[in-house]
C-alpha atoms as a PDB file:
ATOM      1  CA  MET A   1     -30.621 -61.611-116.283  1.00  0.00           C
ATOM      2  CA  GLU A   2     -27.820 -59.371-115.113  1.00  0.00           C
ATOM      3  CA  GLY A   3     -27.634 -58.323-111.491  1.00  0.00           C
ATOM      4  CA  VAL A   4     -28.904 -61.609-110.021  1.00  0.00           C
ATOM      5  CA  THR A   5     -26.496 -62.854-107.398  1.00  0.00           C
ATOM      6  CA  ASN A   6     -25.908 -66.475-106.567  1.00  0.00           C
ATOM      7  CA  ALA A   7     -23.044 -66.822-104.136  1.00  0.00           C
ATOM      8  CA  GLY A   8     -23.345 -70.547-103.607  1.00  0.00           C
ATOM      9  CA  PRO A   9     -24.528 -72.611-100.640  1.00  0.00           C
ATOM     10  CA  GLY A  10     -25.037 -71.026 -97.252  1.00  0.00           C
ATOM     11  CA  ARG A  11     -25.405 -72.250 -93.698  1.00  0.00           C
ATOM     12  CA  PRO A  12     -27.643 -75.221 -92.903  1.00  0.00           C
ATOM     13  CA  ARG A  13     -31.325 -74.291 -93.128  1.00  0.00           C
ATOM     14  CA  LEU A  14     -33.647 -74.086 -90.163  1.00  0.00           C
ATOM     15  CA  THR A  15     -36.267 -76.528 -91.426  1.00  0.00           C
ATOM     16  CA  ALA A  16     -36.793 -79.270 -94.013  1.00  0.00           C
ATOM     17  CA  ARG A  17     -37.778 -78.134 -97.508  1.00  0.00           C
ATOM     18  CA  ARG A  18     -41.348 -76.855 -97.564  1.00  0.00           C
ATOM     19  CA  ARG A  19     -41.543 -75.274-101.051  1.00  0.00           C
ATOM     20  CA  PRO A  20     -41.624 -76.628-104.628  1.00  0.00           C
ATOM     21  CA  GLY A  21     -38.296 -76.768-106.404  1.00  0.00           C
ATOM     22  CA  GLY A  22     -35.198 -78.895-106.042  1.00  0.00           C
ATOM     23  CA  THR A  23     -32.949 -76.075-104.851  1.00  0.00           C
ATOM     24  CA  ALA A  24     -32.945 -73.397-102.178  1.00  0.00           C
ATOM     25  CA  ARG A  25     -32.935 -70.772-104.933  1.00  0.00           C
ATOM     26  CA  ALA A  26     -36.145 -72.203-106.424  1.00  0.00           C
ATOM     27  CA  GLU A  27     -37.786 -72.231-103.000  1.00  0.00           C
ATOM     28  CA  ILE A  28     -36.815 -68.610-102.415  1.00  0.00           C
ATOM     29  CA  LEU A  29     -38.325 -67.623-105.751  1.00  0.00           C
ATOM     30  CA  ASP A  30     -41.552 -69.498-104.970  1.00  0.00           C
ATOM     31  CA  ALA A  31     -41.886 -67.877-101.556  1.00  0.00           C
ATOM     32  CA  ALA A  32     -41.112 -64.444-102.946  1.00  0.00           C
ATOM     33  CA  ALA A  33     -43.620 -64.914-105.773  1.00  0.00           C
ATOM     34  CA  GLU A  34     -46.345 -65.729-103.274  1.00  0.00           C
ATOM     35  CA  LEU A  35     -45.523 -62.841-100.977  1.00  0.00           C
ATOM     36  CA  PHE A  36     -44.997 -60.261-103.712  1.00  0.00           C
ATOM     37  CA  THR A  37     -48.340 -61.120-105.331  1.00  0.00           C
ATOM     38  CA  THR A  38     -50.379 -61.421-102.138  1.00  0.00           C
ATOM     39  CA  ARG A  39     -48.715 -59.234 -99.510  1.00  0.00           C
ATOM     40  CA  GLY A  40     -47.153 -56.721-101.905  1.00  0.00           C
ATOM     41  CA  PHE A  41     -43.576 -56.037-102.987  1.00  0.00           C
ATOM     42  CA  ALA A  42     -42.986 -53.028-100.760  1.00  0.00           C
ATOM     43  CA  ALA A  43     -44.498 -54.763 -97.728  1.00  0.00           C
ATOM     44  CA  THR A  44     -42.331 -57.892 -98.149  1.00  0.00           C
ATOM     45  CA  SER A  45     -38.839 -58.011 -96.697  1.00  0.00           C
ATOM     46  CA  THR A  46     -36.079 -60.532 -97.279  1.00  0.00           C
ATOM     47  CA  ARG A  47     -36.732 -61.639 -93.702  1.00  0.00           C
ATOM     48  CA  HIS A  48     -40.336 -62.485 -94.610  1.00  0.00           C
ATOM     49  CA  ILE A  49     -39.124 -64.472 -97.616  1.00  0.00           C
ATOM     50  CA  ALA A  50     -36.526 -66.356 -95.586  1.00  0.00           C
ATOM     51  CA  GLU A  51     -39.124 -67.227 -92.939  1.00  0.00           C
ATOM     52  CA  ALA A  52     -41.515 -68.496 -95.622  1.00  0.00           C
ATOM     53  CA  VAL A  53     -38.809 -70.798 -96.933  1.00  0.00           C
ATOM     54  CA  GLY A  54     -37.606 -71.856 -93.493  1.00  0.00           C
ATOM     55  CA  MET A  55     -34.071 -70.563 -93.731  1.00  0.00           C
ATOM     56  CA  ARG A  56     -31.947 -67.916 -92.095  1.00  0.00           C
ATOM     57  CA  GLN A  57     -32.060 -64.474 -93.654  1.00  0.00           C
ATOM     58  CA  ALA A  58     -28.259 -64.576 -93.980  1.00  0.00           C
ATOM     59  CA  SER A  59     -28.549 -67.802 -96.004  1.00  0.00           C
ATOM     60  CA  LEU A  60     -30.945 -66.104 -98.438  1.00  0.00           C
ATOM     61  CA  TYR A  61     -28.241 -63.583 -99.237  1.00  0.00           C
ATOM     62  CA  ASN A  62     -26.030 -66.402-100.508  1.00  0.00           C
ATOM     63  CA  HIS A  63     -28.486 -66.759-103.391  1.00  0.00           C
ATOM     64  CA  PHE A  64     -29.763 -63.190-103.897  1.00  0.00           C
ATOM     65  CA  ALA A  65     -27.978 -60.057-102.753  1.00  0.00           C
ATOM     66  CA  THR A  66     -31.113 -57.914-102.632  1.00  0.00           C
ATOM     67  CA  LYS A  67     -34.888 -58.106-102.842  1.00  0.00           C
ATOM     68  CA  ASP A  68     -34.639 -56.405-106.243  1.00  0.00           C
ATOM     69  CA  ASP A  69     -32.496 -59.326-107.482  1.00  0.00           C
ATOM     70  CA  ILE A  70     -35.330 -61.705-106.586  1.00  0.00           C
ATOM     71  CA  LEU A  71     -37.857 -59.573-108.451  1.00  0.00           C
ATOM     72  CA  VAL A  72     -35.596 -59.445-111.512  1.00  0.00           C
ATOM     73  CA  ALA A  73     -35.449 -63.232-111.609  1.00  0.00           C
ATOM     74  CA  LEU A  74     -39.210 -63.604-111.201  1.00  0.00           C
ATOM     75  CA  LEU A  75     -39.931 -61.099-113.966  1.00  0.00           C
ATOM     76  CA  ALA A  76     -37.531 -62.857-116.308  1.00  0.00           C
ATOM     77  CA  ASP A  77     -39.491 -66.076-115.839  1.00  0.00           C
ATOM     78  CA  THR A  78     -42.627 -64.367-117.178  1.00  0.00           C
ATOM     79  CA  VAL A  79     -41.065 -63.033-120.396  1.00  0.00           C
ATOM     80  CA  THR A  80     -37.949 -64.952-121.384  1.00  0.00           C
ATOM     81  CA  PRO A  81     -39.641 -68.269-122.436  1.00  0.00           C
ATOM     82  CA  ALA A  82     -42.121 -66.534-124.736  1.00  0.00           C
ATOM     83  CA  LEU A  83     -39.430 -64.225-126.126  1.00  0.00           C
ATOM     84  CA  ASP A  84     -37.105 -67.130-126.856  1.00  0.00           C
ATOM     85  CA  PHE A  85     -39.938 -69.009-128.509  1.00  0.00           C
ATOM     86  CA  ALA A  86     -40.914 -65.998-130.625  1.00  0.00           C
ATOM     87  CA  GLU A  87     -37.364 -65.491-131.847  1.00  0.00           C
ATOM     88  CA  ASN A  88     -37.045 -69.194-132.708  1.00  0.00           C
ATOM     89  CA  LEU A  89     -40.260 -68.935-134.735  1.00  0.00           C
ATOM     90  CA  ARG A  90     -38.920 -66.296-137.103  1.00  0.00           C
ATOM     91  CA  PRO A  91     -36.963 -68.567-139.518  1.00  0.00           C
ATOM     92  CA  LEU A  92     -39.543 -71.367-139.527  1.00  0.00           C
ATOM     93  CA  ASP A  93     -41.570 -72.164-142.610  1.00  0.00           C
ATOM     94  CA  ALA A  94     -45.050 -71.543-141.241  1.00  0.00           C
ATOM     95  CA  SER A  95     -47.762 -69.014-141.978  1.00  0.00           C
ATOM     96  CA  PRO A  96     -47.910 -65.851-139.811  1.00  0.00           C
ATOM     97  CA  GLU A  97     -51.305 -66.868-138.444  1.00  0.00           C
ATOM     98  CA  VAL A  98     -49.885 -70.205-137.212  1.00  0.00           C
ATOM     99  CA  LYS A  99     -46.910 -68.470-135.648  1.00  0.00           C
ATOM    100  CA  LEU A 100     -49.077 -65.856-133.957  1.00  0.00           C
ATOM    101  CA  TYR A 101     -51.471 -68.510-132.670  1.00  0.00           C
ATOM    102  CA  ALA A 102     -48.561 -70.605-131.332  1.00  0.00           C
ATOM    103  CA  LEU A 103     -46.909 -67.651-129.577  1.00  0.00           C
ATOM    104  CA  SER A 104     -50.200 -66.456-128.113  1.00  0.00           C
ATOM    105  CA  TYR A 105     -51.071 -69.959-126.909  1.00  0.00           C
ATOM    106  CA  LEU A 106     -47.712 -70.645-125.290  1.00  0.00           C
ATOM    107  CA  ASP A 107     -47.456 -67.207-123.688  1.00  0.00           C
ATOM    108  CA  ALA A 108     -51.040 -67.249-122.379  1.00  0.00           C
ATOM    109  CA  ALA A 109     -50.610 -70.801-121.074  1.00  0.00           C
ATOM    110  CA  GLN A 110     -47.585 -69.921-118.988  1.00  0.00           C
ATOM    111  CA  LEU A 111     -49.254 -66.785-117.621  1.00  0.00           C
ATOM    112  CA  ILE A 112     -52.389 -68.769-116.757  1.00  0.00           C
ATOM    113  CA  THR A 113     -50.812 -71.883-115.257  1.00  0.00           C
ATOM    114  CA  GLY A 114     -47.903 -70.397-113.352  1.00  0.00           C
ATOM    115  CA  ARG A 115     -48.141 -71.156-109.640  1.00  0.00           C
ATOM    116  CA  TRP A 116     -48.451 -67.440-108.844  1.00  0.00           C
ATOM    117  CA  ASN A 117     -49.925 -64.610-110.932  1.00  0.00           C
ATOM    118  CA  LEU A 118     -46.592 -62.889-111.512  1.00  0.00           C
ATOM    119  CA  GLY A 119     -47.936 -60.651-114.256  1.00  0.00           C
ATOM    120  CA  VAL A 120     -49.502 -58.398-111.601  1.00  0.00           C
ATOM    121  CA  LEU A 121     -45.953 -57.330-110.778  1.00  0.00           C
ATOM    122  CA  TYR A 122     -45.749 -55.464-114.111  1.00  0.00           C
ATOM    123  CA  LEU A 123     -47.648 -52.581-112.510  1.00  0.00           C
ATOM    124  CA  LEU A 124     -45.129 -52.047-109.712  1.00  0.00           C
ATOM    125  CA  PRO A 125     -43.797 -48.477-109.714  1.00  0.00           C
ATOM    126  CA  GLU A 126     -40.351 -49.869-108.859  1.00  0.00           C
ATOM    127  CA  LEU A 127     -40.116 -51.258-112.404  1.00  0.00           C
ATOM    128  CA  ARG A 128     -39.660 -47.734-113.767  1.00  0.00           C
ATOM    129  CA  SER A 129     -36.151 -47.536-112.285  1.00  0.00           C
ATOM    130  CA  ASP A 130     -32.980 -48.316-114.220  1.00  0.00           C
ATOM    131  CA  ARG A 131     -32.578 -51.488-112.157  1.00  0.00           C
ATOM    132  CA  PHE A 132     -35.314 -53.098-114.236  1.00  0.00           C
ATOM    133  CA  MET A 133     -34.320 -51.668-117.602  1.00  0.00           C
ATOM    134  CA  SER A 134     -33.320 -55.112-118.899  1.00  0.00           C
ATOM    135  CA  PHE A 135     -36.759 -56.558-118.131  1.00  0.00           C
ATOM    136  CA  ARG A 136     -38.520 -53.622-119.763  1.00  0.00           C
ATOM    137  CA  ALA A 137     -36.345 -54.043-122.860  1.00  0.00           C
ATOM    138  CA  ASP A 138     -37.158 -57.776-123.056  1.00  0.00           C
ATOM    139  CA  ARG A 139     -40.886 -57.095-122.704  1.00  0.00           C
ATOM    140  CA  ASP A 140     -40.651 -54.472-125.437  1.00  0.00           C
ATOM    141  CA  ARG A 141     -38.891 -56.996-127.689  1.00  0.00           C
ATOM    142  CA  LEU A 142     -41.655 -59.517-127.056  1.00  0.00           C
ATOM    143  CA  ARG A 143     -44.290 -56.879-127.853  1.00  0.00           C
ATOM    144  CA  GLU A 144     -42.496 -56.162-131.132  1.00  0.00           C
ATOM    145  CA  GLN A 145     -42.486 -59.860-132.030  1.00  0.00           C
ATOM    146  CA  TYR A 146     -46.254 -59.944-131.507  1.00  0.00           C
ATOM    147  CA  ARG A 147     -46.693 -56.761-133.526  1.00  0.00           C
ATOM    148  CA  ALA A 148     -44.624 -58.035-136.440  1.00  0.00           C
ATOM    149  CA  LEU A 149     -46.560 -61.309-136.614  1.00  0.00           C
ATOM    150  CA  ALA A 150     -49.905 -59.519-136.304  1.00  0.00           C
ATOM    151  CA  GLN A 151     -48.926 -57.101-139.064  1.00  0.00           C
ATOM    152  CA  ALA A 152     -47.988 -60.049-141.301  1.00  0.00           C
ATOM    153  CA  VAL A 153     -51.442 -61.520-140.714  1.00  0.00           C
ATOM    154  CA  LEU A 154     -53.050 -58.183-141.565  1.00  0.00           C
ATOM    155  CA  ASP A 155     -50.935 -57.939-144.721  1.00  0.00           C
ATOM    156  CA  ALA A 156     -52.066 -61.425-145.766  1.00  0.00           C
ATOM    157  CA  LEU A 157     -55.660 -60.340-145.235  1.00  0.00           C
ATOM    158  CA  GLY A 158     -55.092 -57.346-147.466  1.00  0.00           C
ATOM    159  CA  ASP A 159     -55.592 -54.856-144.632  1.00  0.00           C
ATOM    160  CA  PRO A 160     -52.138 -53.330-144.108  1.00  0.00           C
ATOM    161  CA  ALA A 161     -53.651 -49.966-143.171  1.00  0.00           C
ATOM    162  CA  SER A 162     -54.907 -51.358-139.853  1.00  0.00           C
ATOM    163  CA  THR A 163     -51.608 -50.761-138.102  1.00  0.00           C
ATOM    164  CA  GLN A 164     -53.229 -50.092-134.757  1.00  0.00           C
ATOM    165  CA  LEU A 165     -54.781 -53.563-134.751  1.00  0.00           C
ATOM    166  CA  ALA A 166     -51.303 -55.090-134.765  1.00  0.00           C
ATOM    167  CA  GLU A 167     -50.846 -54.023-131.135  1.00  0.00           C
ATOM    168  CA  LEU A 168     -53.930 -55.885-129.917  1.00  0.00           C
ATOM    169  CA  PRO A 169     -52.803 -59.553-129.742  1.00  0.00           C
ATOM    170  CA  PHE A 170     -50.063 -58.765-127.238  1.00  0.00           C
ATOM    171  CA  ARG A 171     -52.504 -56.800-125.085  1.00  0.00           C
ATOM    172  CA  LEU A 172     -55.056 -59.569-125.371  1.00  0.00           C
ATOM    173  CA  VAL A 173     -52.643 -62.210-124.127  1.00  0.00           C
ATOM    174  CA  GLU A 174     -51.612 -60.066-121.148  1.00  0.00           C
ATOM    175  CA  SER A 175     -55.278 -59.561-120.302  1.00  0.00           C
ATOM    176  CA  VAL A 176     -55.188 -63.029-118.730  1.00  0.00           C
ATOM    177  CA  ILE A 177     -53.237 -61.432-115.876  1.00  0.00           C
ATOM    178  CA  SER A 178     -56.205 -59.324-114.799  1.00  0.00           C
ATOM    179  CA  ALA A 179     -58.593 -62.138-115.646  1.00  0.00           C
ATOM    180  CA  ARG A 180     -56.668 -64.410-113.317  1.00  0.00           C
ATOM    181  CA  ALA A 181     -56.786 -61.788-110.570  1.00  0.00           C
ATOM    182  CA  ASP A 182     -60.543 -61.403-111.074  1.00  0.00           C
ATOM    183  CA  ALA A 183     -60.937 -65.173-110.914  1.00  0.00           C
ATOM    184  CA  LEU A 184     -60.500 -64.854-107.169  1.00  0.00           C
ATOM    185  CA  GLU A 185     -63.976 -63.339-107.234  1.00  0.00           C
ATOM    186  CA  GLY A 186     -65.401 -66.179-109.307  1.00  0.00           C
ATOM    187  CA  THR A 187     -64.815 -64.845-112.815  1.00  0.00           C
ATOM    188  CA  PRO A 188     -63.652 -67.684-115.103  1.00  0.00           C
ATOM    189  CA  ILE A 189     -60.299 -67.412-116.878  1.00  0.00           C
ATOM    190  CA  PRO A 190     -60.317 -67.961-120.666  1.00  0.00           C
ATOM    191  CA  ASP A 191     -58.117 -70.908-121.612  1.00  0.00           C
ATOM    192  CA  ALA A 192     -55.066 -70.546-123.832  1.00  0.00           C
ATOM    193  CA  ALA A 193     -56.865 -71.803-126.958  1.00  0.00           C
ATOM    194  CA  VAL A 194     -59.561 -69.161-126.578  1.00  0.00           C
ATOM    195  CA  ILE A 195     -56.933 -66.459-126.182  1.00  0.00           C
ATOM    196  CA  ALA A 196     -54.891 -67.686-129.152  1.00  0.00           C
ATOM    197  CA  GLY A 197     -57.908 -67.931-131.393  1.00  0.00           C
ATOM    198  CA  SER A 198     -59.096 -64.502-130.332  1.00  0.00           C
ATOM    199  CA  ALA A 199     -55.679 -63.045-131.172  1.00  0.00           C
ATOM    200  CA  LEU A 200     -56.419 -63.967-134.792  1.00  0.00           C
ATOM    201  CA  ARG A 201     -60.103 -63.056-134.752  1.00  0.00           C
ATOM    202  CA  ILE A 202     -59.362 -59.576-133.415  1.00  0.00           C
ATOM    203  CA  LEU A 203     -57.294 -58.971-136.562  1.00  0.00           C
ATOM    204  CA  GLY A 204     -60.175 -59.999-138.803  1.00  0.00           C
ATOM    205  CA  TRP A 205     -59.057 -63.568-139.492  1.00  0.00           C
ATOM    206  CA  ARG A 206     -62.227 -65.647-139.987  1.00  0.00           C
ATOM    207  CA  GLN A 207     -61.134 -69.088-141.239  1.00  0.00           C
ATOM    208  CA  ASP A 208     -61.346 -72.417-139.416  1.00  0.00           C
ATOM    209  CA  LEU A 209     -59.082 -72.492-136.364  1.00  0.00           C
ATOM    210  CA  ASP A 210     -58.718 -76.262-136.094  1.00  0.00           C
ATOM    211  CA  PRO A 211     -55.885 -76.664-138.662  1.00  0.00           C
ATOM    212  CA  ILE A 212     -54.155 -73.601-137.212  1.00  0.00           C
ATOM    213  CA  HIS A 213     -54.340 -75.141-133.756  1.00  0.00           C
ATOM    214  CA  THR A 214     -52.871 -78.422-135.049  1.00  0.00           C
ATOM    215  CA  GLU A 215     -49.951 -76.752-136.839  1.00  0.00           C
ATOM    216  CA  ALA A 216     -49.262 -74.494-133.849  1.00  0.00           C
ATOM    217  CA  ALA A 217     -49.208 -77.527-131.546  1.00  0.00           C
ATOM    218  CA  GLU A 218     -46.502 -79.064-133.708  1.00  0.00           C
ATOM    219  CA  LEU A 219     -44.434 -75.888-133.529  1.00  0.00           C
ATOM    220  CA  ILE A 220     -44.671 -75.848-129.762  1.00  0.00           C
ATOM    221  CA  ALA A 221     -43.962 -79.570-129.447  1.00  0.00           C
ATOM    222  CA  ASN A 222     -40.809 -79.252-131.572  1.00  0.00           C
ATOM    223  CA  ALA A 223     -39.528 -76.000-130.067  1.00  0.00           C
ATOM    224  CA  GLU A 224     -36.468 -76.049-127.908  1.00  0.00           C
ATOM    225  CA  THR A 225     -37.636 -73.513-125.333  1.00  0.00           C
ATOM    226  CA  SER A 226     -36.563 -72.761-121.792  1.00  0.00           C
ATOM    227  CA  THR A 227     -38.593 -73.984-118.813  1.00  0.00           C
ATOM    228  CA  LEU A 228     -41.866 -72.093-118.534  1.00  0.00           C
ATOM    229  CA  SER A 229     -42.696 -69.931-115.533  1.00  0.00           C
ATOM    230  CA  GLY A 230     -40.231 -71.734-113.278  1.00  0.00           C
ATOM    231  CA  ALA A 231     -41.960 -75.088-113.712  1.00  0.00           C
ATOM    232  CA  ASP A 232     -40.262 -78.384-114.396  1.00  0.00           C
ATOM    233  CA  ALA A 233     -42.297 -78.937-117.545  1.00  0.00           C
ATOM    234  CA  ALA A 234     -44.549 -77.132-119.994  1.00  0.00           C
ATOM    235  CA  PRO A 235     -47.849 -75.840-118.591  1.00  0.00           C
ATOM    236  CA  ASP A 236     -50.749 -78.268-118.560  1.00  0.00           C
ATOM    237  CA  ASN A 237     -52.488 -76.266-121.267  1.00  0.00           C
ATOM    238  CA  VAL A 238     -49.543 -76.732-123.629  1.00  0.00           C
ATOM    239  CA  ASP A 239     -49.453 -80.486-122.988  1.00  0.00           C
ATOM    240  CA  ALA A 240     -53.189 -80.678-123.538  1.00  0.00           C
ATOM    241  CA  MET A 241     -52.796 -78.872-126.830  1.00  0.00           C
ATOM    242  CA  LYS A 242     -51.098 -81.892-128.344  1.00  0.00           C
ATOM    243  CA  THR A 243     -54.008 -84.242-127.664  1.00  0.00           C
END
């Protein structure tokens, strides 16, 4: 994403590594993700982030010039993997219902299993500024990929007039963000398979989901996608999908 600054290594850190990730940049992102989602973006300063990592504030600026740069990077991690996957799906020889299921599963899995619930940051008023225009454009592109696949499913069902339904799978997948927030009060989070299956059911698709799940698992297994949600591997739900 443009605007993210990485000026190279800084001064020696104050403490040993205390955060996940093999680099100082990854530790900064993890600390910022925790603080932004628990303390709040406006209430979190770069000093708070540096202290959570165990480094000098000046050293943090060697990796990110501003707090906004950190937020840009975190937001990109929530959208870019699913968007890349969706765009790679387009030329593949698979039915629209398999593609929609696969995209919904992968996207929901990374939103559910990410270390921090970064989707809650979508509601920040700061995101309305031009600084975050690139993120908003990427999210709109992802929404359009969902809509196009959903419309193809509706067309296959002989219900092309239900244009408004085509917007629902994207909204359904993102509902796991609020479900995850509510889980703090004991509400269970639907797993990725439930979300993916519901993305088809909400369009009126009523056939057996088992073969769809199997084909979608193969698409995900064979896809050359970027690392999901800042993790070193695919989310547990995606790995479990293959079994």
